[in-house]
C-alpha atoms as a PDB file:
ATOM      1  CA  MET A   1      17.423 -19.780 -11.989  1.00  0.00           C
ATOM      2  CA  ASP A   2      14.503 -20.600  -9.600  1.00  0.00           C
ATOM      3  CA  SER A   3      10.889 -20.380 -10.958  1.00  0.00           C
ATOM      4  CA  PRO A   4       9.338 -16.292 -10.862  1.00  0.00           C
ATOM      5  CA  VAL A   5       7.451 -15.140  -8.230  1.00  0.00           C
ATOM      6  CA  ASN A   6       4.735 -12.876  -9.245  1.00  0.00           C
ATOM      7  CA  PHE A   7       3.101 -11.008  -5.994  1.00  0.00           C
ATOM      8  CA  ILE A   8       0.973  -8.096  -4.358  1.00  0.00           C
ATOM      9  CA  VAL A   9       1.266  -5.986  -0.989  1.00  0.00           C
ATOM     10  CA  TYR A  10      -2.366  -5.321  -0.689  1.00  0.00           C
ATOM     11  CA  SER A  11      -3.371  -2.744   1.681  1.00  0.00           C
ATOM     12  CA  HIS A  12      -4.442   0.643   2.290  1.00  0.00           C
ATOM     13  CA  GLN A  13      -3.035   4.343   2.364  1.00  0.00           C
ATOM     14  CA  ARG A  14      -1.140   5.257   5.127  1.00  0.00           C
ATOM     15  CA  SER A  15      -0.386   1.803   6.752  1.00  0.00           C
ATOM     16  CA  GLY A  16       3.448   1.858   5.698  1.00  0.00           C
ATOM     17  CA  THR A  17       3.765   0.542   2.574  1.00  0.00           C
ATOM     18  CA  THR A  18       6.356   3.011   1.210  1.00  0.00           C
ATOM     19  CA  PHE A  19       8.826   2.038   3.398  1.00  0.00           C
ATOM     20  CA  PHE A  20       7.419  -1.808   3.317  1.00  0.00           C
ATOM     21  CA  CYS A  21       7.533  -1.836  -0.560  1.00  0.00           C
ATOM     22  CA  ASN A  22      10.467   0.723  -1.343  1.00  0.00           C
ATOM     23  CA  ASP A  23      12.834  -0.259   1.014  1.00  0.00           C
ATOM     24  CA  VAL A  24      12.102  -3.593   2.866  1.00  0.00           C
ATOM     25  CA  LEU A  25      11.049  -5.699   0.311  1.00  0.00           C
ATOM     26  CA  SER A  26      13.159  -4.328  -2.454  1.00  0.00           C
ATOM     27  CA  SER A  27      16.284  -4.290  -0.089  1.00  0.00           C
ATOM     28  CA  HIS A  28      16.810  -7.971  -1.070  1.00  0.00           C
ATOM     29  CA  ASN A  29      18.516  -9.069  -4.433  1.00  0.00           C
ATOM     30  CA  GLU A  30      16.229 -11.040  -5.612  1.00  0.00           C
ATOM     31  CA  VAL A  31      12.848  -8.466  -5.265  1.00  0.00           C
ATOM     32  CA  PHE A  32      11.964  -5.723  -7.852  1.00  0.00           C
ATOM     33  CA  CYS A  33       8.701  -4.245  -5.939  1.00  0.00           C
ATOM     34  CA  PHE A  34       6.867  -1.269  -7.398  1.00  0.00           C
ATOM     35  CA  ASP A  35       4.773   1.440  -5.956  1.00  0.00           C
ATOM     36  CA  GLU A  36       1.286   2.035  -7.001  1.00  0.00           C
ATOM     37  CA  LEU A  37       1.135   0.207 -10.224  1.00  0.00           C
ATOM     38  CA  TYR A  38      -2.326   0.816 -11.201  1.00  0.00           C
ATOM     39  CA  ASN A  39      -2.531   4.204  -9.643  1.00  0.00           C
ATOM     40  CA  GLN A  40      -1.462   6.062 -13.239  1.00  0.00           C
ATOM     41  CA  ARG A  41      -4.293   8.468 -14.572  1.00  0.00           C
ATOM     42  CA  GLY A  42      -2.687  11.726 -13.471  1.00  0.00           C
ATOM     43  CA  HIS A  43      -0.509  10.413 -10.697  1.00  0.00           C
ATOM     44  CA  GLN A  44       2.854  11.791 -12.032  1.00  0.00           C
ATOM     45  CA  PRO A  45       5.203  10.130  -9.766  1.00  0.00           C
ATOM     46  CA  THR A  46       4.045   6.834 -10.976  1.00  0.00           C
ATOM     47  CA  ILE A  47       4.212   7.708 -14.229  1.00  0.00           C
ATOM     48  CA  ASP A  48       7.739   8.817 -14.166  1.00  0.00           C
ATOM     49  CA  ALA A  49       9.008   6.100 -12.364  1.00  0.00           C
ATOM     50  CA  LEU A  50       7.705   3.652 -14.821  1.00  0.00           C
ATOM     51  CA  LYS A  51       9.449   5.724 -17.689  1.00  0.00           C
ATOM     52  CA  ALA A  52      12.855   5.895 -15.493  1.00  0.00           C
ATOM     53  CA  LYS A  53      12.724   2.289 -15.910  1.00  0.00           C
ATOM     54  CA  ASN A  54      11.723   1.754 -19.216  1.00  0.00           C
ATOM     55  CA  LEU A  55       8.538   0.414 -18.478  1.00  0.00           C
ATOM     56  CA  PRO A  56       5.186   0.297 -20.191  1.00  0.00           C
ATOM     57  CA  SER A  57       2.309   2.141 -18.296  1.00  0.00           C
ATOM     58  CA  LEU A  58      -1.029   1.994 -18.463  1.00  0.00           C
ATOM     59  CA  PHE A  59      -4.290   4.491 -19.544  1.00  0.00           C
ATOM     60  CA  SER A  60      -5.740   3.486 -16.084  1.00  0.00           C
ATOM     61  CA  LEU A  61      -9.318   5.228 -16.955  1.00  0.00           C
ATOM     62  CA  GLN A  62      -9.596   3.610 -20.168  1.00  0.00           C
ATOM     63  CA  ALA A  63      -8.874   0.262 -18.252  1.00  0.00           C
ATOM     64  CA  LYS A  64     -11.269   0.844 -15.893  1.00  0.00           C
ATOM     65  CA  ILE A  65     -14.011   2.023 -18.322  1.00  0.00           C
ATOM     66  CA  GLU A  66     -13.518  -1.193 -20.262  1.00  0.00           C
ATOM     67  CA  GLY A  67     -13.442  -3.618 -17.426  1.00  0.00           C
ATOM     68  CA  ARG A  68     -16.925  -2.486 -16.117  1.00  0.00           C
ATOM     69  CA  ILE A  69     -18.060  -2.453 -20.065  1.00  0.00           C
ATOM     70  CA  TRP A  70     -16.909  -6.231 -20.543  1.00  0.00           C
ATOM     71  CA  GLY A  71     -16.962  -7.712 -17.156  1.00  0.00           C
ATOM     72  CA  THR A  72     -13.283  -8.839 -17.552  1.00  0.00           C
ATOM     73  CA  GLY A  73     -10.354  -8.017 -16.122  1.00  0.00           C
ATOM     74  CA  GLN A  74      -8.494  -8.991 -19.415  1.00  0.00           C
ATOM     75  CA  ARG A  75      -6.880  -5.197 -20.291  1.00  0.00           C
ATOM     76  CA  TYR A  76      -5.231  -5.317 -16.641  1.00  0.00           C
ATOM     77  CA  ILE A  77      -4.121  -8.863 -17.229  1.00  0.00           C
ATOM     78  CA  ARG A  78      -2.293  -7.646 -20.477  1.00  0.00           C
ATOM     79  CA  TYR A  79      -0.981  -5.056 -18.894  1.00  0.00           C
ATOM     80  CA  HIS A  80       0.641  -6.689 -16.223  1.00  0.00           C
ATOM     81  CA  ARG A  81       2.313  -9.798 -17.714  1.00  0.00           C
ATOM     82  CA  ARG A  82       3.971  -6.621 -20.155  1.00  0.00           C
ATOM     83  CA  PHE A  83       5.166  -4.958 -16.876  1.00  0.00           C
ATOM     84  CA  VAL A  84       6.140  -8.613 -15.583  1.00  0.00           C
ATOM     85  CA  GLU A  85       8.252  -9.279 -18.822  1.00  0.00           C
ATOM     86  CA  ALA A  86      10.119  -5.865 -18.991  1.00  0.00           C
ATOM     87  CA  CYS A  87      10.662  -6.028 -15.666  1.00  0.00           C
ATOM     88  CA  ARG A  88      12.379  -9.333 -15.721  1.00  0.00           C
ATOM     89  CA  GLN A  89      14.104  -8.180 -18.927  1.00  0.00           C
ATOM     90  CA  SER A  90      15.613  -4.974 -17.256  1.00  0.00           C
ATOM     91  CA  GLN A  91      15.840  -5.767 -13.450  1.00  0.00           C
ATOM     92  CA  ARG A  92      16.738  -9.090 -13.619  1.00  0.00           C
ATOM     93  CA  LYS A  93      15.091 -10.044 -10.606  1.00  0.00           C
ATOM     94  CA  ARG A  94      13.286 -13.281  -9.551  1.00  0.00           C
ATOM     95  CA  ALA A  95       9.946 -11.863  -7.407  1.00  0.00           C
ATOM     96  CA  VAL A  96       8.173  -8.888  -9.100  1.00  0.00           C
ATOM     97  CA  GLY A  97       5.361  -7.134  -7.291  1.00  0.00           C
ATOM     98  CA  PHE A  98       3.654  -4.134  -6.704  1.00  0.00           C
ATOM     99  CA  LYS A  99       1.296  -2.508  -3.874  1.00  0.00           C
ATOM    100  CA  LEU A 100      -2.258  -2.637  -4.523  1.00  0.00           C
ATOM    101  CA  PHE A 101      -5.380   0.071  -2.965  1.00  0.00           C
ATOM    102  CA  HIS A 102      -8.779  -0.873  -3.244  1.00  0.00           C
ATOM    103  CA  GLN A 103      -9.450   1.986  -5.631  1.00  0.00           C
ATOM    104  CA  HIS A 104      -6.539   0.932  -7.787  1.00  0.00           C
ATOM    105  CA  ILE A 105      -8.721  -2.117  -9.758  1.00  0.00           C
ATOM    106  CA  PRO A 106     -12.557  -2.353  -9.986  1.00  0.00           C
ATOM    107  CA  MET A 107     -13.153  -4.988  -7.564  1.00  0.00           C
ATOM    108  CA  VAL A 108     -15.636  -6.979  -9.404  1.00  0.00           C
ATOM    109  CA  LEU A 109     -12.488  -7.605 -11.699  1.00  0.00           C
ATOM    110  CA  LEU A 110     -10.061  -8.589  -8.832  1.00  0.00           C
ATOM    111  CA  PRO A 111     -10.717 -12.448  -8.256  1.00  0.00           C
ATOM    112  CA  ASP A 112     -10.146 -13.413 -12.356  1.00  0.00           C
ATOM    113  CA  PHE A 113      -7.115 -10.878 -12.250  1.00  0.00           C
ATOM    114  CA  LEU A 114      -5.200 -12.834  -9.568  1.00  0.00           C
ATOM    115  CA  LYS A 115      -5.928 -16.178 -10.522  1.00  0.00           C
ATOM    116  CA  GLN A 116      -4.859 -15.430 -13.988  1.00  0.00           C
ATOM    117  CA  ASN A 117      -1.763 -14.091 -12.917  1.00  0.00           C
ATOM    118  CA  ASN A 118      -1.061 -16.393 -10.359  1.00  0.00           C
ATOM    119  CA  PHE A 119      -0.105 -14.113  -7.560  1.00  0.00           C
ATOM    120  CA  LYS A 120       0.837 -14.611  -4.142  1.00  0.00           C
ATOM    121  CA  VAL A 121      -0.767 -11.659  -2.230  1.00  0.00           C
ATOM    122  CA  VAL A 122       0.807 -10.322   0.958  1.00  0.00           C
ATOM    123  CA  VAL A 123      -1.677  -8.440   3.077  1.00  0.00           C
ATOM    124  CA  LEU A 124      -0.694  -5.440   4.910  1.00  0.00           C
ATOM    125  CA  LYS A 125      -2.884  -4.063   7.201  1.00  0.00           C
ATOM    126  CA  ARG A 126      -2.360  -1.240  10.011  1.00  0.00           C
ATOM    127  CA  ARG A 127      -4.900  -1.743  12.856  1.00  0.00           C
ATOM    128  CA  ASN A 128      -4.958   1.702  14.141  1.00  0.00           C
ATOM    129  CA  LEU A 129      -7.064   3.629  11.510  1.00  0.00           C
ATOM    130  CA  SER A 130      -7.293   6.688  13.858  1.00  0.00           C
ATOM    131  CA  GLN A 131      -3.595   7.425  13.626  1.00  0.00           C
ATOM    132  CA  CYS A 132      -4.173   6.396   9.650  1.00  0.00           C
ATOM    133  CA  ALA A 133      -6.824   9.264   9.266  1.00  0.00           C
ATOM    134  CA  VAL A 134      -5.125  11.585  10.520  1.00  0.00           C
ATOM    135  CA  SER A 135      -1.932  11.522   8.919  1.00  0.00           C
ATOM    136  CA  MET A 136      -4.098  11.289   5.853  1.00  0.00           C
ATOM    137  CA  TYR A 137      -6.125  14.260   6.680  1.00  0.00           C
ATOM    138  CA  LEU A 138      -2.392  15.995   7.475  1.00  0.00           C
ATOM    139  CA  SER A 139      -1.121  14.964   3.905  1.00  0.00           C
ATOM    140  CA  ARG A 140      -4.082  15.956   2.062  1.00  0.00           C
ATOM    141  CA  PHE A 141      -5.068  19.103   3.374  1.00  0.00           C
ATOM    142  CA  TYR A 142      -1.609  20.439   4.774  1.00  0.00           C
ATOM    143  CA  ARG A 143       0.478  18.620   2.755  1.00  0.00           C
ATOM    144  CA  ARG A 144       2.150  16.838   5.717  1.00  0.00           C
ATOM    145  CA  ARG A 145       3.403  13.181   4.594  1.00  0.00           C
ATOM    146  CA  SER A 146       6.743  12.577   7.160  1.00  0.00           C
ATOM    147  CA  SER A 147       8.942  13.996   8.982  1.00  0.00           C
ATOM    148  CA  ILE A 148      10.836  16.035   6.086  1.00  0.00           C
ATOM    149  CA  ASP A 149       7.498  17.790   5.327  1.00  0.00           C
ATOM    150  CA  LEU A 150       7.883  21.113   7.486  1.00  0.00           C
ATOM    151  CA  GLY A 151       4.878  22.785   5.746  1.00  0.00           C
ATOM    152  CA  GLU A 152       3.656  26.050   6.215  1.00  0.00           C
ATOM    153  CA  HIS A 153       1.831  25.502   9.202  1.00  0.00           C
ATOM    154  CA  THR A 154       2.535  25.255  13.285  1.00  0.00           C
ATOM    155  CA  ARG A 155      -0.993  24.561  13.987  1.00  0.00           C
ATOM    156  CA  PHE A 156      -3.444  22.042  12.309  1.00  0.00           C
ATOM    157  CA  THR A 157      -7.187  21.419  12.757  1.00  0.00           C
ATOM    158  CA  VAL A 158      -8.295  18.131  12.067  1.00  0.00           C
ATOM    159  CA  SER A 159     -11.991  17.564  10.977  1.00  0.00           C
ATOM    160  CA  PRO A 160     -13.577  14.942  13.004  1.00  0.00           C
ATOM    161  CA  GLU A 161     -16.104  14.118  10.979  1.00  0.00           C
ATOM    162  CA  TRP A 162     -13.880  13.635   7.678  1.00  0.00           C
ATOM    163  CA  CYS A 163     -11.544  11.428   9.653  1.00  0.00           C
ATOM    164  CA  ALA A 164     -14.636   9.390  11.017  1.00  0.00           C
ATOM    165  CA  ARG A 165     -15.621   8.821   7.244  1.00  0.00           C
ATOM    166  CA  TRP A 166     -12.343   7.995   5.854  1.00  0.00           C
ATOM    167  CA  ILE A 167     -12.146   5.306   8.633  1.00  0.00           C
ATOM    168  CA  ALA A 168     -15.278   3.823   7.940  1.00  0.00           C
ATOM    169  CA  ASN A 169     -14.936   3.562   3.855  1.00  0.00           C
ATOM    170  CA  THR A 170     -11.549   2.091   4.153  1.00  0.00           C
ATOM    171  CA  ARG A 171     -12.420  -0.636   6.789  1.00  0.00           C
ATOM    172  CA  TYR A 172     -15.096  -1.485   4.550  1.00  0.00           C
ATOM    173  CA  ASN A 173     -13.299  -1.281   1.251  1.00  0.00           C
ATOM    174  CA  PHE A 174     -10.283  -2.973   2.521  1.00  0.00           C
ATOM    175  CA  MET A 175     -12.279  -5.964   3.795  1.00  0.00           C
ATOM    176  CA  GLU A 176     -13.923  -6.091   0.555  1.00  0.00           C
ATOM    177  CA  GLY A 177     -10.871  -6.469  -1.129  1.00  0.00           C
ATOM    178  CA  LEU A 178      -9.668  -9.137   1.097  1.00  0.00           C
ATOM    179  CA  GLY A 179     -12.797 -11.039   0.781  1.00  0.00           C
ATOM    180  CA  LYS A 180     -12.270 -11.113  -2.964  1.00  0.00           C
ATOM    181  CA  ILE A 181      -8.533 -12.094  -2.603  1.00  0.00           C
ATOM    182  CA  GLU A 182      -9.767 -14.833  -0.211  1.00  0.00           C
ATOM    183  CA  ALA A 183     -12.749 -16.220  -3.049  1.00  0.00           C
ATOM    184  CA  SER A 184      -9.940 -15.675  -5.328  1.00  0.00           C
ATOM    185  CA  GLY A 185      -8.152 -18.644  -4.003  1.00  0.00           C
ATOM    186  CA  SER A 186      -4.529 -16.869  -4.062  1.00  0.00           C
ATOM    187  CA  ALA A 187      -1.884 -17.580  -1.310  1.00  0.00           C
ATOM    188  CA  THR A 188      -1.651 -15.210   1.347  1.00  0.00           C
ATOM    189  CA  GLN A 189       0.600 -13.710   4.123  1.00  0.00           C
ATOM    190  CA  HIS A 190      -0.615 -11.178   6.367  1.00  0.00           C
ATOM    191  CA  ILE A 191       1.892  -8.577   8.090  1.00  0.00           C
ATOM    192  CA  SER A 192       0.854  -5.708  10.367  1.00  0.00           C
ATOM    193  CA  TYR A 193       2.251  -2.300  10.465  1.00  0.00           C
ATOM    194  CA  LYS A 194       4.153  -2.694  13.763  1.00  0.00           C
ATOM    195  CA  ASP A 195       5.764  -5.909  12.510  1.00  0.00           C
ATOM    196  CA  ILE A 196       7.530  -4.506   9.035  1.00  0.00           C
ATOM    197  CA  ASN A 197      10.132  -3.515  11.497  1.00  0.00           C
ATOM    198  CA  ALA A 198      10.668  -6.710  12.855  1.00  0.00           C
ATOM    199  CA  LEU A 199      13.422  -9.027  11.175  1.00  0.00           C
ATOM    200  CA  ASP A 200      11.735 -12.007  12.003  1.00  0.00           C
ATOM    201  CA  ARG A 201       8.371 -11.208  10.580  1.00  0.00           C
ATOM    202  CA  VAL A 202       9.589  -9.688   7.837  1.00  0.00           C
ATOM    203  CA  ASN A 203      11.633 -12.924   6.918  1.00  0.00           C
ATOM    204  CA  GLU A 204       8.284 -14.903   7.214  1.00  0.00           C
ATOM    205  CA  VAL A 205       7.355 -12.778   4.275  1.00  0.00           C
ATOM    206  CA  PHE A 206      10.737 -13.607   2.364  1.00  0.00           C
ATOM    207  CA  ASN A 207       9.870 -17.374   3.025  1.00  0.00           C
ATOM    208  CA  PHE A 208       6.337 -17.056   1.676  1.00  0.00           C
ATOM    209  CA  LEU A 209       7.745 -15.486  -1.624  1.00  0.00           C
ATOM    210  CA  ASP A 210      10.223 -18.406  -1.790  1.00  0.00           C
ATOM    211  CA  LEU A 211      13.216 -16.516  -1.067  1.00  0.00           C
ATOM    212  CA  GLU A 212      15.949 -16.303   1.187  1.00  0.00           C
ATOM    213  CA  PRO A 213      15.907 -14.681   4.341  1.00  0.00           C
ATOM    214  CA  LEU A 214      17.513 -10.988   4.943  1.00  0.00           C
ATOM    215  CA  ALA A 215      20.216 -10.690   7.468  1.00  0.00           C
ATOM    216  CA  SER A 216      19.426  -7.144   8.581  1.00  0.00           C
ATOM    217  CA  LEU A 217      17.012  -4.476   7.633  1.00  0.00           C
ATOM    218  CA  PRO A 218      17.420  -1.141   5.986  1.00  0.00           C
ATOM    219  CA  GLU A 219      17.290   2.009   8.280  1.00  0.00           C
ATOM    220  CA  LYS A 220      14.465   3.959   7.944  1.00  0.00           C
ATOM    221  CA  GLY A 221      15.106   7.223   6.701  1.00  0.00           C
ATOM    222  CA  LEU A 222      11.616   9.088   7.326  1.00  0.00           C
ATOM    223  CA  ARG A 223       9.905   9.549  10.693  1.00  0.00           C
ATOM    224  CA  LYS A 224       6.686   9.344  10.385  1.00  0.00           C
ATOM    225  CA  ILE A 225       3.941  12.032  11.443  1.00  0.00           C
ATOM    226  CA  ASN A 226       2.519   9.883  14.147  1.00  0.00           C
ATOM    227  CA  THR A 227       4.301  11.210  17.164  1.00  0.00           C
ATOM    228  CA  ASP A 228       2.877  12.771  20.105  1.00  0.00           C
ATOM    229  CA  SER A 229       5.016  16.636  18.823  1.00  0.00           C
ATOM    230  CA  ILE A 230       2.517  16.340  15.672  1.00  0.00           C
ATOM    231  CA  TYR A 231      -0.537  15.623  17.839  1.00  0.00           C
ATOM    232  CA  GLU A 232       0.139  18.517  20.482  1.00  0.00           C
ATOM    233  CA  ARG A 233      -0.066  20.973  17.318  1.00  0.00           C
ATOM    234  CA  ILE A 234      -3.754  19.715  16.636  1.00  0.00           C
ATOM    235  CA  GLU A 235      -5.927  22.353  18.254  1.00  0.00           C
ATOM    236  CA  ASN A 236      -8.893  20.481  18.427  1.00  0.00           C
ATOM    237  CA  LEU A 237      -7.374  17.041  19.651  1.00  0.00           C
ATOM    238  CA  THR A 238      -9.520  16.777  22.397  1.00  0.00           C
ATOM    239  CA  GLN A 239     -12.390  16.871  20.382  1.00  0.00           C
ATOM    240  CA  LEU A 240     -10.753  14.476  17.985  1.00  0.00           C
ATOM    241  CA  GLU A 241      -9.886  11.895  20.081  1.00  0.00           C
ATOM    242  CA  GLU A 242     -13.258  11.912  21.619  1.00  0.00           C
ATOM    243  CA  ALA A 243     -14.667  11.424  18.314  1.00  0.00           C
ATOM    244  CA  ILE A 244     -12.580   8.361  16.580  1.00  0.00           C
ATOM    245  CA  CYS A 245     -10.349   6.782  19.136  1.00  0.00           C
ATOM    246  CA  ASN A 246     -11.961   3.523  21.114  1.00  0.00           C
ATOM    247  CA  ASP A 247     -10.362   0.172  21.148  1.00  0.00           C
ATOM    248  CA  TYR A 248     -11.720  -0.424  17.669  1.00  0.00           C
ATOM    249  CA  ASN A 249     -10.331   2.232  15.761  1.00  0.00           C
ATOM    250  CA  GLY A 250      -6.871   2.900  17.952  1.00  0.00           C
ATOM    251  CA  PHE A 251      -5.848   5.917  20.045  1.00  0.00           C
ATOM    252  CA  LEU A 252      -3.982   8.528  18.520  1.00  0.00           C
ATOM    253  CA  ARG A 253      -1.117   8.886  21.704  1.00  0.00           C
ATOM    254  CA  HIS A 254      -1.112   5.391  22.076  1.00  0.00           C
ATOM    255  CA  THR A 255       0.434   3.157  19.496  1.00  0.00           C
ATOM    256  CA  THR A 256      -1.130   0.067  18.530  1.00  0.00           C
END
């Protein structure tokens, strides 16, 4: 068997990580890619997914407290090693990874965590943060996450102030984590939201992970909510676009 690979998909919310991690990467016969591994405090889907695969779980609140007190990521490092060992025994995959958002691990611990676990890092970024923010708002306040969520509302009102804050915080937090990753010296491969549907770009990621390319991509089962038909249901759409849309953040009705 070729040497094992540990990897992280570093990204931010509403950036296509569910499709990329759960469908695209996991469609490879040598890859096991878990979801939000370190999002375990009160996040029942993650806890249930770990139990279903007989994988160990982590009391993430205690880990965060201990990490801040002792200034070390040893609890995170030990947990990941247990997780990988269990995965290799049960899943029999060469490459084992998971998705990581800024809020999952205290950033002060990230460089040491990356070095000691010898991670390769796939950086997935969605340039259009205006679409991300509206998608996040509809998910949080209307429980509208994808095309299967019919929801109770046919019309939406979206707070421009909330979206502006979300964009600013997400950009700052994402870049802070990216700086930590670069400072750690970890090998990185970048891919954008629009390129996770492009076979050649996805195969660049598999090449980075020292894996054979895919012959084709899996079909995308869920349609995302950043569509004109959804935006037309936003009652204050014009006000929202004036507040958050520009060349830097992206435009709601023009995918970038």
